Amino acid sequence: MDLDDMKTNWKNYDTMLGKHLVLDQQALRKRNLDKSEGALLKPFAHEIANILVVLTTVIFVLLASFKHLNELRFSVPGLIGALLGSIYVYIALTKALKISKLDFKLPIIEIQKKVSRFTILILKFRKLEIALLPFFIVSILPITFWVVQNRDLYVHWGFFVLMVTFIVGFSLVGIRWVNKHLYDQKIKKIQLFLTEIRQFEESNSSL
């Protein structure tokens, strides 16, 4: 085999190797981006469900408050609760829209920036959700029990405190579970997937 043949063979091998690297890179990118996109399906579904549940509660409390508008001890807290519930709906709607607008066709660095900004937003909303929760529950319970059971919680203070403690405690546990399993873990996985793609692309570009 002369020198020209060796050069030709080497060139062909180099070309073939380059094609394989490109194919491997594309396969890794597609696989990890699909996984990243799939990881957000559950958080998105949760936010949609959250919107429906809280919005239904807000509408019920609002209608009940207007119906008993003259009974201020029920209607005023109910209207305040409806306002706080609207904030929860806004938070859930904002998170759902942010998830739906994450474009995984962008360059990896851009996706990482968007995921980081989304993570910061989630942390801010988390603090607000936890801070508002006791006030939301306390506000909507009197009108709810008055309409549904004809029970005046202002007379049954022990039961009122028990219900608030139970619902707030249960809700806080639920918020913690959702944030841990549907956000923290999912976002961590996405960041790992994106980092793997970026490192693979950088290692190939340096060859």
N, C-alpha and C. Protein backbone atom coordinates (compact mmCIF):
# COMPACT_ATOMS: atom_id res chain seq x y z
N MET A 1 0.85 -1.19 0.00
CA MET A 1 0.00 0.00 0.00
C MET A 1 0.89 1.24 0.00
N ASP A 2 0.69 2.11 -1.02
CA ASP A 2 1.53 3.30 -1.08
C ASP A 2 0.97 4.39 -0.16
N LEU A 3 1.69 5.50 -0.13
CA LEU A 3 1.35 6.60 0.78
C LEU A 3 0.00 7.22 0.45
N ASP A 4 -0.29 7.35 -0.86
CA ASP A 4 -1.57 7.95 -1.27
C ASP A 4 -2.75 7.11 -0.81
N ASP A 5 -2.58 5.77 -0.92
CA ASP A 5 -3.65 4.88 -0.48
C ASP A 5 -3.87 5.00 1.03
N MET A 6 -2.77 5.10 1.75
CA MET A 6 -2.87 5.24 3.20
C MET A 6 -3.59 6.54 3.58
N LYS A 7 -3.25 7.61 2.85
CA LYS A 7 -3.90 8.90 3.12
C LYS A 7 -5.39 8.83 2.82
N THR A 8 -5.71 8.16 1.70
CA THR A 8 -7.12 8.02 1.31
C THR A 8 -7.90 7.21 2.33
N ASN A 9 -7.29 6.09 2.75
CA ASN A 9 -7.95 5.24 3.75
C ASN A 9 -8.14 5.98 5.08
N TRP A 10 -7.10 6.71 5.45
CA TRP A 10 -7.19 7.47 6.70
C TRP A 10 -8.26 8.55 6.62
N LYS A 11 -8.33 9.20 5.46
CA LYS A 11 -9.34 10.24 5.25
C LYS A 11 -10.75 9.65 5.32
N ASN A 12 -10.91 8.48 4.67
CA ASN A 12 -12.22 7.81 4.70
C ASN A 12 -12.61 7.40 6.11
N TYR A 13 -11.60 6.89 6.84
CA TYR A 13 -11.85 6.48 8.23
C TYR A 13 -12.22 7.68 9.09
N ASP A 14 -11.49 8.78 8.87
CA ASP A 14 -11.75 10.00 9.64
C ASP A 14 -13.15 10.53 9.35
N THR A 15 -13.54 10.48 8.06
CA THR A 15 -14.88 10.93 7.67
C THR A 15 -15.95 10.06 8.30
N MET A 16 -15.72 8.74 8.27
CA MET A 16 -16.68 7.80 8.85
C MET A 16 -16.80 8.01 10.36
N LEU A 17 -15.65 8.23 11.00
CA LEU A 17 -15.64 8.47 12.44
C LEU A 17 -16.40 9.74 12.78
N GLY A 18 -16.19 10.77 11.96
CA GLY A 18 -16.89 12.04 12.17
C GLY A 18 -18.39 11.88 12.04
N LYS A 19 -18.81 11.08 11.05
CA LYS A 19 -20.25 10.84 10.86
C LYS A 19 -20.85 10.10 12.05
N HIS A 20 -20.07 9.11 12.56
CA HIS A 20 -20.55 8.36 13.72
C HIS A 20 -20.69 9.26 14.95
N LEU A 21 -19.71 10.15 15.11
CA LEU A 21 -19.76 11.07 16.25
C LEU A 21 -20.97 12.00 16.15
N VAL A 22 -21.23 12.47 14.94
CA VAL A 22 -22.39 13.35 14.72
C VAL A 22 -23.69 12.60 15.02
N LEU A 23 -23.76 11.35 14.53
CA LEU A 23 -24.96 10.54 14.77
C LEU A 23 -25.14 10.26 16.25
N ASP A 24 -24.03 9.94 16.95
CA ASP A 24 -24.09 9.69 18.39
C ASP A 24 -24.55 10.95 19.13
N GLN A 25 -24.01 12.08 18.70
CA GLN A 25 -24.37 13.35 19.33
C GLN A 25 -25.85 13.66 19.13
N GLN A 26 -26.32 13.46 17.90
CA GLN A 26 -27.73 13.72 17.60
C GLN A 26 -28.64 12.78 18.38
N ALA A 27 -28.23 11.50 18.47
CA ALA A 27 -29.03 10.51 19.21
C ALA A 27 -29.10 10.86 20.69
N LEU A 28 -27.95 11.24 21.27
CA LEU A 28 -27.91 11.63 22.68
C LEU A 28 -28.75 12.86 22.93
N ARG A 29 -28.62 13.84 22.04
CA ARG A 29 -29.39 15.08 22.17
C ARG A 29 -30.89 14.80 22.14
N LYS A 30 -31.31 14.01 21.13
CA LYS A 30 -32.74 13.70 21.00
C LYS A 30 -33.25 12.93 22.21
N ARG A 31 -32.48 11.93 22.64
CA ARG A 31 -32.91 11.10 23.77
C ARG A 31 -33.05 11.93 25.04
N ASN A 32 -32.05 12.74 25.33
CA ASN A 32 -32.06 13.52 26.56
C ASN A 32 -33.09 14.65 26.52
N LEU A 33 -33.27 15.26 25.35
CA LEU A 33 -34.27 16.32 25.24
C LEU A 33 -35.68 15.74 25.35
N ASP A 34 -35.88 14.56 24.79
CA ASP A 34 -37.18 13.89 24.93
C ASP A 34 -37.46 13.56 26.40
N LYS A 35 -36.42 13.10 27.10
CA LYS A 35 -36.57 12.80 28.53
C LYS A 35 -36.86 14.07 29.32
N SER A 36 -36.17 15.15 28.95
CA SER A 36 -36.37 16.43 29.64
C SER A 36 -37.79 16.93 29.46
N GLU A 37 -38.26 16.85 28.22
CA GLU A 37 -39.62 17.29 27.92
C GLU A 37 -40.65 16.41 28.63
N GLY A 38 -40.38 15.10 28.64
CA GLY A 38 -41.28 14.16 29.31
C GLY A 38 -41.33 14.37 30.82
N ALA A 39 -40.20 14.81 31.39
CA ALA A 39 -40.14 15.01 32.84
C ALA A 39 -41.06 16.13 33.30
N LEU A 40 -41.43 17.02 32.38
CA LEU A 40 -42.28 18.15 32.74
C LEU A 40 -43.77 17.88 32.55
N LEU A 41 -44.11 16.71 32.04
CA LEU A 41 -45.52 16.40 31.81
C LEU A 41 -46.32 16.34 33.11
N LYS A 42 -45.75 15.68 34.13
CA LYS A 42 -46.46 15.57 35.41
C LYS A 42 -46.62 16.92 36.11
N PRO A 43 -45.55 17.75 36.19
CA PRO A 43 -45.75 19.08 36.77
C PRO A 43 -46.79 19.90 36.02
N PHE A 44 -46.79 19.80 34.69
CA PHE A 44 -47.76 20.53 33.88
C PHE A 44 -49.18 20.06 34.18
N ALA A 45 -49.37 18.74 34.23
CA ALA A 45 -50.69 18.17 34.53
C ALA A 45 -51.15 18.57 35.93
N HIS A 46 -50.20 18.60 36.87
CA HIS A 46 -50.54 19.01 38.24
C HIS A 46 -51.04 20.45 38.28
N GLU A 47 -50.36 21.34 37.55
CA GLU A 47 -50.76 22.74 37.56
C GLU A 47 -52.13 22.93 36.91
N ILE A 48 -52.41 22.19 35.84
CA ILE A 48 -53.73 22.27 35.20
C ILE A 48 -54.81 21.81 36.18
N ALA A 49 -54.56 20.69 36.87
CA ALA A 49 -55.51 20.19 37.87
C ALA A 49 -55.68 21.19 39.01
N ASN A 50 -54.57 21.81 39.41
CA ASN A 50 -54.59 22.81 40.47
C ASN A 50 -55.46 24.01 40.07
N ILE A 51 -55.30 24.44 38.83
CA ILE A 51 -56.11 25.56 38.32
C ILE A 51 -57.59 25.23 38.40
N LEU A 52 -57.96 24.03 37.94
CA LEU A 52 -59.37 23.63 37.91
C LEU A 52 -59.96 23.54 39.31
N VAL A 53 -59.21 22.91 40.24
CA VAL A 53 -59.71 22.73 41.61
C VAL A 53 -59.85 24.07 42.33
N VAL A 54 -58.80 24.88 42.29
CA VAL A 54 -58.83 26.16 43.01
C VAL A 54 -59.83 27.12 42.37
N LEU A 55 -59.89 27.12 41.04
CA LEU A 55 -60.84 28.00 40.35
C LEU A 55 -62.28 27.63 40.70
N THR A 56 -62.56 26.34 40.76
CA THR A 56 -63.90 25.88 41.17
C THR A 56 -64.21 26.33 42.60
N THR A 57 -63.21 26.21 43.49
CA THR A 57 -63.38 26.65 44.88
C THR A 57 -63.63 28.15 44.95
N VAL A 58 -62.87 28.92 44.19
CA VAL A 58 -63.02 30.38 44.17
C VAL A 58 -64.41 30.78 43.69
N ILE A 59 -64.87 30.15 42.62
CA ILE A 59 -66.21 30.46 42.08
C ILE A 59 -67.29 30.14 43.10
N PHE A 60 -67.16 28.96 43.74
CA PHE A 60 -68.14 28.56 44.77
C PHE A 60 -68.17 29.56 45.92
N VAL A 61 -66.98 29.91 46.44
CA VAL A 61 -66.89 30.83 47.58
C VAL A 61 -67.40 32.22 47.19
N LEU A 62 -67.09 32.63 45.97
CA LEU A 62 -67.52 33.95 45.49
C LEU A 62 -69.04 34.02 45.40
N LEU A 63 -69.65 33.00 44.80
CA LEU A 63 -71.11 32.97 44.67
C LEU A 63 -71.78 32.90 46.04
N ALA A 64 -71.22 32.08 46.93
CA ALA A 64 -71.77 31.95 48.28
C ALA A 64 -71.66 33.27 49.04
N SER A 65 -70.54 33.96 48.86
CA SER A 65 -70.33 35.23 49.56
C SER A 65 -71.32 36.29 49.08
N PHE A 66 -71.57 36.33 47.77
CA PHE A 66 -72.54 37.30 47.24
C PHE A 66 -73.96 36.95 47.69
N LYS A 67 -74.23 35.66 47.78
CA LYS A 67 -75.56 35.22 48.22
C LYS A 67 -75.82 35.62 49.67
N HIS A 68 -74.77 35.57 50.50
CA HIS A 68 -74.90 35.93 51.92
C HIS A 68 -74.17 37.25 52.20
N LEU A 69 -74.30 38.18 51.27
CA LEU A 69 -73.54 39.43 51.34
C LEU A 69 -73.87 40.23 52.61
N ASN A 70 -75.10 40.17 53.06
CA ASN A 70 -75.50 40.94 54.24
C ASN A 70 -74.95 40.34 55.54
N GLU A 71 -74.58 39.07 55.50
CA GLU A 71 -74.00 38.43 56.68
C GLU A 71 -72.48 38.61 56.61
N LEU A 72 -72.04 39.74 57.08
CA LEU A 72 -70.65 40.18 56.86
C LEU A 72 -69.62 39.22 57.45
N ARG A 73 -69.96 38.55 58.54
CA ARG A 73 -68.98 37.65 59.16
C ARG A 73 -68.65 36.46 58.26
N PHE A 74 -69.53 36.19 57.29
CA PHE A 74 -69.28 35.12 56.33
C PHE A 74 -68.81 35.67 54.98
N SER A 75 -69.47 36.72 54.52
CA SER A 75 -69.20 37.22 53.17
C SER A 75 -67.84 37.92 53.04
N VAL A 76 -67.47 38.71 54.05
CA VAL A 76 -66.20 39.44 53.96
C VAL A 76 -65.00 38.49 53.93
N PRO A 77 -64.89 37.54 54.89
CA PRO A 77 -63.79 36.56 54.78
C PRO A 77 -63.86 35.75 53.48
N GLY A 78 -65.10 35.44 53.05
CA GLY A 78 -65.26 34.68 51.80
C GLY A 78 -64.69 35.43 50.61
N LEU A 79 -64.98 36.74 50.53
CA LEU A 79 -64.46 37.55 49.42
C LEU A 79 -62.94 37.66 49.49
N ILE A 80 -62.41 37.78 50.71
CA ILE A 80 -60.95 37.81 50.88
C ILE A 80 -60.35 36.47 50.44
N GLY A 81 -61.01 35.37 50.82
CA GLY A 81 -60.55 34.04 50.42
C GLY A 81 -60.58 33.86 48.91
N ALA A 82 -61.63 34.40 48.26
CA ALA A 82 -61.72 34.31 46.80
C ALA A 82 -60.57 35.07 46.14
N LEU A 83 -60.21 36.21 46.73
CA LEU A 83 -59.07 36.98 46.21
C LEU A 83 -57.77 36.20 46.36
N LEU A 84 -57.57 35.61 47.54
CA LEU A 84 -56.36 34.81 47.77
C LEU A 84 -56.33 33.59 46.85
N GLY A 85 -57.49 32.98 46.65
CA GLY A 85 -57.58 31.83 45.74
C GLY A 85 -57.23 32.23 44.32
N SER A 86 -57.62 33.45 43.93
CA SER A 86 -57.30 33.94 42.58
C SER A 86 -55.79 34.07 42.40
N ILE A 87 -55.10 34.42 43.49
CA ILE A 87 -53.63 34.49 43.44
C ILE A 87 -53.05 33.10 43.20
N TYR A 88 -53.62 32.10 43.86
CA TYR A 88 -53.18 30.71 43.64
C TYR A 88 -53.41 30.28 42.19
N VAL A 89 -54.57 30.66 41.64
CA VAL A 89 -54.86 30.34 40.24
C VAL A 89 -53.85 31.01 39.32
N TYR A 90 -53.52 32.28 39.62
CA TYR A 90 -52.53 33.01 38.83
C TYR A 90 -51.17 32.32 38.88
N ILE A 91 -50.77 31.89 40.08
CA ILE A 91 -49.48 31.21 40.24
C ILE A 91 -49.44 29.92 39.42
N ALA A 92 -50.50 29.11 39.55
CA ALA A 92 -50.55 27.83 38.82
C ALA A 92 -50.59 28.07 37.31
N LEU A 93 -51.34 29.08 36.88
CA LEU A 93 -51.43 29.40 35.45
C LEU A 93 -50.08 29.86 34.91
N THR A 94 -49.38 30.68 35.69
CA THR A 94 -48.06 31.17 35.28
C THR A 94 -47.08 30.01 35.14
N LYS A 95 -47.08 29.09 36.11
CA LYS A 95 -46.18 27.93 36.05
C LYS A 95 -46.51 27.04 34.85
N ALA A 96 -47.80 26.83 34.61
CA ALA A 96 -48.21 25.99 33.47
C ALA A 96 -47.78 26.62 32.14
N LEU A 97 -47.94 27.94 32.03
CA LEU A 97 -47.53 28.64 30.80
C LEU A 97 -46.02 28.59 30.62
N LYS A 98 -45.28 28.76 31.71
CA LYS A 98 -43.81 28.71 31.63
C LYS A 98 -43.34 27.33 31.18
N ILE A 99 -44.00 26.28 31.70
CA ILE A 99 -43.64 24.92 31.30
C ILE A 99 -43.93 24.71 29.82
N SER A 100 -45.12 25.16 29.38
CA SER A 100 -45.52 24.94 27.98
C SER A 100 -44.65 25.72 27.00
N LYS A 101 -44.04 26.82 27.48
CA LYS A 101 -43.22 27.65 26.59
C LYS A 101 -41.74 27.27 26.57
N LEU A 102 -41.37 26.27 27.37
CA LEU A 102 -39.98 25.81 27.33
C LEU A 102 -39.72 25.12 26.00
N ASP A 103 -38.88 25.73 25.18
CA ASP A 103 -38.60 25.21 23.83
C ASP A 103 -37.32 24.39 23.86
N PHE A 104 -37.45 23.09 23.68
CA PHE A 104 -36.29 22.20 23.73
C PHE A 104 -35.60 22.06 22.37
N LYS A 105 -35.98 22.91 21.43
CA LYS A 105 -35.27 22.95 20.14
C LYS A 105 -34.19 24.02 20.12
N LEU A 106 -34.13 24.81 21.17
CA LEU A 106 -33.13 25.87 21.27
C LEU A 106 -31.75 25.27 21.56
N PRO A 107 -30.68 26.07 21.40
CA PRO A 107 -29.35 25.62 21.81
C PRO A 107 -29.35 25.25 23.30
N ILE A 108 -28.51 24.30 23.66
CA ILE A 108 -28.50 23.77 25.03
C ILE A 108 -28.28 24.87 26.07
N ILE A 109 -27.37 25.80 25.80
CA ILE A 109 -27.10 26.87 26.76
C ILE A 109 -28.35 27.70 27.01
N GLU A 110 -29.11 27.98 25.94
CA GLU A 110 -30.34 28.76 26.08
C GLU A 110 -31.39 27.99 26.90
N ILE A 111 -31.48 26.69 26.65
CA ILE A 111 -32.42 25.87 27.42
C ILE A 111 -32.03 25.87 28.90
N GLN A 112 -30.73 25.74 29.17
CA GLN A 112 -30.26 25.74 30.56
C GLN A 112 -30.59 27.06 31.25
N LYS A 113 -30.45 28.17 30.53
CA LYS A 113 -30.78 29.48 31.09
C LYS A 113 -32.27 29.57 31.43
N LYS A 114 -33.10 29.08 30.51
CA LYS A 114 -34.55 29.12 30.73
C LYS A 114 -34.96 28.22 31.89
N VAL A 115 -34.35 27.05 31.99
CA VAL A 115 -34.65 26.14 33.10
C VAL A 115 -34.22 26.76 34.43
N SER A 116 -33.08 27.44 34.44
CA SER A 116 -32.59 28.11 35.65
C SER A 116 -33.55 29.22 36.08
N ARG A 117 -34.00 30.02 35.10
CA ARG A 117 -34.95 31.09 35.41
C ARG A 117 -36.28 30.51 35.93
N PHE A 118 -36.70 29.39 35.33
CA PHE A 118 -37.93 28.73 35.76
C PHE A 118 -37.78 28.21 37.19
N THR A 119 -36.61 27.68 37.52
CA THR A 119 -36.35 27.17 38.87
C THR A 119 -36.44 28.30 39.90
N ILE A 120 -35.86 29.45 39.57
CA ILE A 120 -35.92 30.62 40.47
C ILE A 120 -37.37 31.05 40.68
N LEU A 121 -38.14 31.05 39.59
CA LEU A 121 -39.56 31.42 39.68
C LEU A 121 -40.33 30.46 40.59
N ILE A 122 -40.05 29.16 40.46
CA ILE A 122 -40.71 28.15 41.28
C ILE A 122 -40.42 28.39 42.76
N LEU A 123 -39.17 28.70 43.08
CA LEU A 123 -38.78 28.94 44.47
C LEU A 123 -39.49 30.16 45.04
N LYS A 124 -39.62 31.22 44.23
CA LYS A 124 -40.33 32.42 44.68
C LYS A 124 -41.80 32.13 44.93
N PHE A 125 -42.42 31.43 43.99
CA PHE A 125 -43.83 31.08 44.13
C PHE A 125 -44.06 30.16 45.32
N ARG A 126 -43.11 29.27 45.58
CA ARG A 126 -43.24 28.32 46.69
C ARG A 126 -43.37 29.07 48.02
N LYS A 127 -42.55 30.08 48.21
CA LYS A 127 -42.61 30.88 49.45
C LYS A 127 -43.96 31.58 49.57
N LEU A 128 -44.44 32.13 48.45
CA LEU A 128 -45.72 32.84 48.45
C LEU A 128 -46.89 31.88 48.72
N GLU A 129 -46.84 30.70 48.11
CA GLU A 129 -47.91 29.70 48.31
C GLU A 129 -48.00 29.29 49.78
N ILE A 130 -46.86 29.04 50.40
CA ILE A 130 -46.83 28.62 51.80
C ILE A 130 -47.31 29.75 52.71
N ALA A 131 -46.90 31.00 52.40
CA ALA A 131 -47.28 32.15 53.22
C ALA A 131 -48.79 32.42 53.16
N LEU A 132 -49.38 32.25 51.99
CA LEU A 132 -50.80 32.56 51.81
C LEU A 132 -51.74 31.45 52.29
N LEU A 133 -51.23 30.23 52.36
CA LEU A 133 -52.09 29.07 52.62
C LEU A 133 -52.95 29.20 53.89
N PRO A 134 -52.37 29.52 55.07
CA PRO A 134 -53.22 29.61 56.28
C PRO A 134 -54.33 30.65 56.14
N PHE A 135 -54.01 31.80 55.54
CA PHE A 135 -55.00 32.87 55.38
C PHE A 135 -56.11 32.44 54.42
N PHE A 136 -55.73 31.71 53.37
CA PHE A 136 -56.71 31.23 52.40
C PHE A 136 -57.69 30.26 53.07
N ILE A 137 -57.17 29.31 53.83
CA ILE A 137 -58.01 28.30 54.49
C ILE A 137 -58.92 28.96 55.52
N VAL A 138 -58.36 29.83 56.36
CA VAL A 138 -59.14 30.51 57.40
C VAL A 138 -60.26 31.34 56.77
N SER A 139 -59.99 31.94 55.63
CA SER A 139 -60.97 32.83 54.98
C SER A 139 -62.14 32.09 54.37
N ILE A 140 -61.89 30.93 53.78
CA ILE A 140 -62.97 30.25 53.03
C ILE A 140 -63.77 29.27 53.89
N LEU A 141 -63.23 28.83 55.02
CA LEU A 141 -63.93 27.82 55.82
C LEU A 141 -65.27 28.29 56.38
N PRO A 142 -65.37 29.50 56.96
CA PRO A 142 -66.66 29.91 57.55
C PRO A 142 -67.81 29.91 56.54
N ILE A 143 -67.62 30.51 55.37
CA ILE A 143 -68.69 30.56 54.38
C ILE A 143 -68.98 29.18 53.81
N THR A 144 -67.95 28.36 53.67
CA THR A 144 -68.13 27.01 53.13
C THR A 144 -68.99 26.16 54.05
N PHE A 145 -68.65 26.15 55.34
CA PHE A 145 -69.42 25.34 56.29
C PHE A 145 -70.82 25.91 56.51
N TRP A 146 -70.95 27.22 56.42
CA TRP A 146 -72.27 27.84 56.58
C TRP A 146 -73.21 27.44 55.44
N VAL A 147 -72.69 27.40 54.22
CA VAL A 147 -73.50 27.06 53.05
C VAL A 147 -73.73 25.56 52.96
N VAL A 148 -72.69 24.77 53.17
CA VAL A 148 -72.78 23.32 52.98
C VAL A 148 -73.47 22.61 54.15
N GLN A 149 -73.10 22.99 55.38
CA GLN A 149 -73.63 22.28 56.57
C GLN A 149 -74.50 23.14 57.47
N ASN A 150 -74.66 24.41 57.09
CA ASN A 150 -75.41 25.36 57.93
C ASN A 150 -74.81 25.42 59.34
N ARG A 151 -73.48 25.34 59.40
CA ARG A 151 -72.77 25.35 60.68
C ARG A 151 -71.98 26.65 60.80
N ASP A 152 -72.19 27.33 61.91
CA ASP A 152 -71.49 28.58 62.17
C ASP A 152 -70.19 28.27 62.91
N LEU A 153 -69.09 28.38 62.19
CA LEU A 153 -67.79 28.05 62.79
C LEU A 153 -67.37 29.06 63.85
N TYR A 154 -67.97 30.26 63.83
CA TYR A 154 -67.63 31.26 64.85
C TYR A 154 -68.20 30.86 66.21
N VAL A 155 -69.21 30.01 66.18
CA VAL A 155 -69.79 29.49 67.43
C VAL A 155 -69.00 28.26 67.89
N HIS A 156 -68.57 27.46 66.93
CA HIS A 156 -67.82 26.23 67.23
C HIS A 156 -66.31 26.48 67.02
N TRP A 157 -65.73 27.26 67.92
CA TRP A 157 -64.33 27.66 67.75
C TRP A 157 -63.37 26.46 67.80
N GLY A 158 -63.67 25.52 68.66
CA GLY A 158 -62.81 24.34 68.77
C GLY A 158 -62.75 23.57 67.47
N PHE A 159 -63.93 23.38 66.87
CA PHE A 159 -64.00 22.68 65.59
C PHE A 159 -63.31 23.49 64.49
N PHE A 160 -63.49 24.81 64.53
CA PHE A 160 -62.87 25.72 63.55
C PHE A 160 -61.35 25.58 63.59
N VAL A 161 -60.79 25.66 64.80
CA VAL A 161 -59.32 25.56 64.96
C VAL A 161 -58.84 24.18 64.51
N LEU A 162 -59.60 23.15 64.86
CA LEU A 162 -59.23 21.79 64.47
C LEU A 162 -59.20 21.64 62.95
N MET A 163 -60.22 22.16 62.28
CA MET A 163 -60.30 22.06 60.82
C MET A 163 -59.17 22.83 60.15
N VAL A 164 -58.92 24.05 60.65
CA VAL A 164 -57.84 24.87 60.08
C VAL A 164 -56.50 24.17 60.25
N THR A 165 -56.25 23.65 61.45
CA THR A 165 -54.98 22.96 61.73
C THR A 165 -54.80 21.74 60.83
N PHE A 166 -55.87 20.95 60.70
CA PHE A 166 -55.80 19.73 59.90
C PHE A 166 -55.59 20.06 58.42
N ILE A 167 -56.40 20.97 57.88
CA ILE A 167 -56.33 21.27 56.44
C ILE A 167 -55.01 21.95 56.09
N VAL A 168 -54.59 22.91 56.91
CA VAL A 168 -53.32 23.60 56.65
C VAL A 168 -52.16 22.62 56.74
N GLY A 169 -52.17 21.78 57.79
CA GLY A 169 -51.10 20.78 57.94
C GLY A 169 -51.05 19.82 56.77
N PHE A 170 -52.21 19.29 56.39
CA PHE A 170 -52.28 18.36 55.26
C PHE A 170 -51.84 19.04 53.97
N SER A 171 -52.26 20.29 53.77
CA SER A 171 -51.91 21.02 52.55
C SER A 171 -50.41 21.31 52.48
N LEU A 172 -49.81 21.64 53.62
CA LEU A 172 -48.37 21.91 53.65
C LEU A 172 -47.57 20.66 53.31
N VAL A 173 -48.03 19.51 53.83
CA VAL A 173 -47.39 18.24 53.48
C VAL A 173 -47.53 17.98 51.99
N GLY A 174 -48.72 18.26 51.45
CA GLY A 174 -48.95 18.09 50.01
C GLY A 174 -48.07 18.99 49.17
N ILE A 175 -47.95 20.26 49.58
CA ILE A 175 -47.10 21.21 48.85
C ILE A 175 -45.65 20.74 48.87
N ARG A 176 -45.20 20.28 50.05
CA ARG A 176 -43.82 19.80 50.17
C ARG A 176 -43.58 18.60 49.25
N TRP A 177 -44.54 17.66 49.23
CA TRP A 177 -44.40 16.46 48.39
C TRP A 177 -44.38 16.83 46.92
N VAL A 178 -45.29 17.70 46.51
CA VAL A 178 -45.37 18.12 45.10
C VAL A 178 -44.08 18.81 44.68
N ASN A 179 -43.59 19.73 45.50
CA ASN A 179 -42.38 20.45 45.14
C ASN A 179 -41.16 19.54 45.08
N LYS A 180 -41.12 18.56 45.99
CA LYS A 180 -39.97 17.65 46.00
C LYS A 180 -39.99 16.70 44.82
N HIS A 181 -41.15 16.06 44.57
CA HIS A 181 -41.22 14.99 43.57
C HIS A 181 -41.58 15.49 42.16
N LEU A 182 -42.35 16.56 42.06
CA LEU A 182 -42.77 17.03 40.74
C LEU A 182 -41.93 18.19 40.22
N TYR A 183 -41.17 18.83 41.12
CA TYR A 183 -40.36 19.96 40.66
C TYR A 183 -38.87 19.75 40.93
N ASP A 184 -38.50 19.65 42.20
CA ASP A 184 -37.07 19.57 42.54
C ASP A 184 -36.38 18.40 41.83
N GLN A 185 -36.96 17.21 41.94
CA GLN A 185 -36.34 16.02 41.34
C GLN A 185 -36.39 16.08 39.81
N LYS A 186 -37.51 16.53 39.26
CA LYS A 186 -37.65 16.60 37.80
C LYS A 186 -36.69 17.62 37.21
N ILE A 187 -36.61 18.79 37.83
CA ILE A 187 -35.72 19.83 37.32
C ILE A 187 -34.26 19.39 37.43
N LYS A 188 -33.93 18.70 38.52
CA LYS A 188 -32.56 18.18 38.68
C LYS A 188 -32.22 17.20 37.56
N LYS A 189 -33.18 16.32 37.21
CA LYS A 189 -32.97 15.38 36.11
C LYS A 189 -32.76 16.12 34.80
N ILE A 190 -33.59 17.12 34.55
CA ILE A 190 -33.47 17.89 33.31
C ILE A 190 -32.11 18.56 33.22
N GLN A 191 -31.67 19.15 34.32
CA GLN A 191 -30.36 19.81 34.34
C GLN A 191 -29.23 18.81 34.06
N LEU A 192 -29.35 17.60 34.59
CA LEU A 192 -28.35 16.56 34.32
C LEU A 192 -28.37 16.14 32.86
N PHE A 193 -29.56 15.99 32.28
CA PHE A 193 -29.68 15.62 30.86
C PHE A 193 -29.04 16.69 29.98
N LEU A 194 -29.33 17.95 30.28
CA LEU A 194 -28.79 19.06 29.47
C LEU A 194 -27.28 19.17 29.63
N THR A 195 -26.80 18.97 30.85
CA THR A 195 -25.35 19.02 31.09
C THR A 195 -24.63 17.92 30.33
N GLU A 196 -25.23 16.73 30.29
CA GLU A 196 -24.64 15.60 29.56
C GLU A 196 -24.53 15.93 28.07
N ILE A 197 -25.57 16.51 27.51
CA ILE A 197 -25.54 16.90 26.08
C ILE A 197 -24.45 17.93 25.85
N ARG A 198 -24.41 18.95 26.70
CA ARG A 198 -23.45 20.04 26.53
C ARG A 198 -22.01 19.52 26.62
N GLN A 199 -21.75 18.66 27.59
CA GLN A 199 -20.40 18.11 27.75
C GLN A 199 -20.02 17.26 26.55
N PHE A 200 -20.96 16.48 26.02
CA PHE A 200 -20.70 15.64 24.86
C PHE A 200 -20.40 16.50 23.63
N GLU A 201 -21.19 17.56 23.46
CA GLU A 201 -20.98 18.45 22.31
C GLU A 201 -19.64 19.16 22.41
N GLU A 202 -19.29 19.60 23.62
CA GLU A 202 -18.02 20.30 23.81
C GLU A 202 -16.83 19.38 23.58
N SER A 203 -16.95 18.12 24.03
CA SER A 203 -15.85 17.17 23.84
C SER A 203 -15.67 16.84 22.36
N ASN A 204 -16.78 16.77 21.62
CA ASN A 204 -16.70 16.49 20.18
C ASN A 204 -16.13 17.67 19.40
N SER A 205 -16.50 18.88 19.83
CA SER A 205 -16.01 20.06 19.12
C SER A 205 -14.52 20.27 19.32
N SER A 206 -13.99 19.71 20.42
CA SER A 206 -12.56 19.87 20.69
C SER A 206 -11.70 18.84 19.96
N LEU A 207 -12.39 17.83 19.35
CA LEU A 207 -11.63 16.79 18.63
C LEU A 207 -11.14 17.30 17.28
